[in-house]
Structures are given as structure tokens and as C-alpha cells.
Amino acid sequence: MSQQAQTLATARWKLGARATPYVFAFFMASIMAMLMCLVITAANAGITADFPMRVLGAYQLAMPTAFCCVLLVRPVVMRLVALTVHPAR
């Protein structure tokens, strides 16, 4: 595949820049919810034979909740960062 064809193929499946906050929220929520479900389930129920199913059950609730929370909290966090960090020069 030529470089131009490969670049065009890559550009076709990428989302536009306006989707950045939503894509960020999706990946952040997905990763953080899974990590938290793993840790909290292990702490509360232990690592038993049904551990993966317990984690996935918790994740079904945690991921959409985390996604909404990241979307709502992101503007506040961006403001707090702007108040506490010098801008790049």
C-alpha cells in the first residue's frame, strides 16, 4: 500500500477534532472504571472463581456513570488546571 493510500485510509476512520472531548471522556472513563472495578471487587469480594463476572457486572454500571461524570467534571478540571499551572511558552 502506498503512503498516500495508507494516509487516506487512516484519515477515513478518524473522528473530527470536535469529537475530542467525547473521545477523551470515553477512553478516560473506560480505563478508570475498569481499574476501579478490578480493585474494588478484589478488595470487597476477593479474587475467586467468579471474579471476572463480578468485575464485568460492576463495570456495566461504572463505565456509563464514569463517562457522564468525566463529561461534567472536565470543564471544572480544565479551569482548576488553568488556575494552578503556568501556560506553556
C-alpha atoms as a PDB file:
ATOM      1  CA  MET A   1       0.000   0.000   0.000  1.00  0.00           C
ATOM      2  CA  SER A   2       1.387   3.382  -0.959  1.00  0.00           C
ATOM      3  CA  GLN A   3       1.989   6.104   1.647  1.00  0.00           C
ATOM      4  CA  GLN A   4      -0.807   8.241   0.222  1.00  0.00           C
ATOM      5  CA  ALA A   5      -3.309   5.364   0.249  1.00  0.00           C
ATOM      6  CA  GLN A   6      -2.311   4.471   3.803  1.00  0.00           C
ATOM      7  CA  THR A   7      -2.716   8.084   4.966  1.00  0.00           C
ATOM      8  CA  LEU A   8      -6.133   8.298   3.281  1.00  0.00           C
ATOM      9  CA  ALA A   9      -7.240   5.015   4.868  1.00  0.00           C
ATOM     10  CA  THR A  10      -6.163   6.240   8.306  1.00  0.00           C
ATOM     11  CA  ALA A  11      -7.925   9.592   7.846  1.00  0.00           C
ATOM     12  CA  ARG A  12     -11.217   7.892   6.934  1.00  0.00           C
ATOM     13  CA  TRP A  13     -11.719   6.175  10.273  1.00  0.00           C
ATOM     14  CA  LYS A  14     -10.613   9.071  12.471  1.00  0.00           C
ATOM     15  CA  LEU A  15     -13.158  11.392  14.031  1.00  0.00           C
ATOM     16  CA  GLY A  16     -13.099  15.144  13.608  1.00  0.00           C
ATOM     17  CA  ALA A  17     -11.384  17.419  16.127  1.00  0.00           C
ATOM     18  CA  ARG A  18     -14.766  18.492  17.544  1.00  0.00           C
ATOM     19  CA  ALA A  19     -15.174  14.976  18.967  1.00  0.00           C
ATOM     20  CA  THR A  20     -12.020  15.301  21.118  1.00  0.00           C
ATOM     21  CA  PRO A  21     -13.762  15.975  24.472  1.00  0.00           C
ATOM     22  CA  TYR A  22     -16.093  12.999  23.958  1.00  0.00           C
ATOM     23  CA  VAL A  23     -13.352  10.638  22.816  1.00  0.00           C
ATOM     24  CA  PHE A  24     -11.207  11.718  25.757  1.00  0.00           C
ATOM     25  CA  ALA A  25     -14.111  11.144  28.151  1.00  0.00           C
ATOM     26  CA  PHE A  26     -14.837   7.727  26.634  1.00  0.00           C
ATOM     27  CA  PHE A  27     -11.271   6.438  26.955  1.00  0.00           C
ATOM     28  CA  MET A  28     -10.696   8.007  30.370  1.00  0.00           C
ATOM     29  CA  ALA A  29     -13.961   6.599  31.714  1.00  0.00           C
ATOM     30  CA  SER A  30     -13.363   3.168  30.167  1.00  0.00           C
ATOM     31  CA  ILE A  31      -9.891   2.755  31.614  1.00  0.00           C
ATOM     32  CA  MET A  32     -10.568   4.273  35.025  1.00  0.00           C
ATOM     33  CA  ALA A  33     -13.853   2.401  35.513  1.00  0.00           C
ATOM     34  CA  MET A  34     -12.192  -0.925  34.674  1.00  0.00           C
ATOM     35  CA  LEU A  35      -9.263  -0.289  37.009  1.00  0.00           C
ATOM     36  CA  MET A  36     -11.560   0.779  39.834  1.00  0.00           C
ATOM     37  CA  CYS A  37     -13.879  -2.191  39.307  1.00  0.00           C
ATOM     38  CA  LEU A  38     -10.921  -4.571  39.421  1.00  0.00           C
ATOM     39  CA  VAL A  39      -9.524  -3.089  42.635  1.00  0.00           C
ATOM     40  CA  ILE A  40     -12.813  -2.582  44.471  1.00  0.00           C
ATOM     41  CA  THR A  41     -14.174  -6.017  43.538  1.00  0.00           C
ATOM     42  CA  ALA A  42     -10.943  -7.671  44.668  1.00  0.00           C
ATOM     43  CA  ALA A  43     -10.991  -5.718  47.936  1.00  0.00           C
ATOM     44  CA  ASN A  44     -14.656  -6.437  48.690  1.00  0.00           C
ATOM     45  CA  ALA A  45     -15.173  -9.989  47.419  1.00  0.00           C
ATOM     46  CA  GLY A  46     -11.662 -11.319  46.972  1.00  0.00           C
ATOM     47  CA  ILE A  47     -10.263 -12.946  43.854  1.00  0.00           C
ATOM     48  CA  THR A  48     -12.387 -16.041  43.458  1.00  0.00           C
ATOM     49  CA  ALA A  49     -13.583 -18.089  40.508  1.00  0.00           C
ATOM     50  CA  ASP A  50     -16.415 -15.621  39.823  1.00  0.00           C
ATOM     51  CA  PHE A  51     -14.117 -12.560  39.996  1.00  0.00           C
ATOM     52  CA  PRO A  52     -14.239 -11.767  36.231  1.00  0.00           C
ATOM     53  CA  MET A  53     -18.042 -11.906  36.181  1.00  0.00           C
ATOM     54  CA  ARG A  54     -18.284  -9.705  39.286  1.00  0.00           C
ATOM     55  CA  VAL A  55     -15.918  -7.177  37.717  1.00  0.00           C
ATOM     56  CA  LEU A  56     -17.903  -7.079  34.464  1.00  0.00           C
ATOM     57  CA  GLY A  57     -21.153  -6.710  36.401  1.00  0.00           C
ATOM     58  CA  ALA A  58     -19.740  -3.727  38.276  1.00  0.00           C
ATOM     59  CA  TYR A  59     -18.287  -2.313  35.038  1.00  0.00           C
ATOM     60  CA  GLN A  60     -21.721  -2.285  33.381  1.00  0.00           C
ATOM     61  CA  LEU A  61     -22.807   0.348  35.873  1.00  0.00           C
ATOM     62  CA  ALA A  62     -19.477   2.083  36.440  1.00  0.00           C
ATOM     63  CA  MET A  63     -18.479   2.841  32.833  1.00  0.00           C
ATOM     64  CA  PRO A  64     -21.559   4.846  31.744  1.00  0.00           C
ATOM     65  CA  THR A  65     -21.559   6.622  35.097  1.00  0.00           C
ATOM     66  CA  ALA A  66     -17.864   7.481  34.758  1.00  0.00           C
ATOM     67  CA  PHE A  67     -18.388   8.681  31.172  1.00  0.00           C
ATOM     68  CA  CYS A  68     -21.099  11.123  32.255  1.00  0.00           C
ATOM     69  CA  CYS A  69     -19.017  12.266  35.221  1.00  0.00           C
ATOM     70  CA  VAL A  70     -15.947  12.926  33.073  1.00  0.00           C
ATOM     71  CA  LEU A  71     -18.051  14.979  30.649  1.00  0.00           C
ATOM     72  CA  LEU A  72     -19.496  17.025  33.510  1.00  0.00           C
ATOM     73  CA  VAL A  73     -16.282  17.438  35.519  1.00  0.00           C
ATOM     74  CA  ARG A  74     -13.894  18.127  32.617  1.00  0.00           C
ATOM     75  CA  PRO A  75     -14.663  21.873  32.377  1.00  0.00           C
ATOM     76  CA  VAL A  76     -14.140  22.292  36.128  1.00  0.00           C
ATOM     77  CA  VAL A  77     -10.839  20.403  35.989  1.00  0.00           C
ATOM     78  CA  MET A  78      -9.664  22.443  32.988  1.00  0.00           C
ATOM     79  CA  ARG A  79     -10.407  25.633  34.937  1.00  0.00           C
ATOM     80  CA  LEU A  80      -8.578  24.371  38.034  1.00  0.00           C
ATOM     81  CA  VAL A  81      -5.555  23.425  35.923  1.00  0.00           C
ATOM     82  CA  ALA A  82      -5.557  26.867  34.291  1.00  0.00           C
ATOM     83  CA  LEU A  83      -5.596  28.458  37.743  1.00  0.00           C
ATOM     84  CA  THR A  84      -2.687  26.384  39.070  1.00  0.00           C
ATOM     85  CA  VAL A  85      -0.320  25.881  36.097  1.00  0.00           C
ATOM     86  CA  HIS A  86       1.631  28.455  34.124  1.00  0.00           C
ATOM     87  CA  PRO A  87       0.747  28.374  30.415  1.00  0.00           C
ATOM     88  CA  ALA A  88       3.346  26.922  28.034  1.00  0.00           C
ATOM     89  CA  ARG A  89       5.600  29.471  26.370  1.00  0.00           C
END
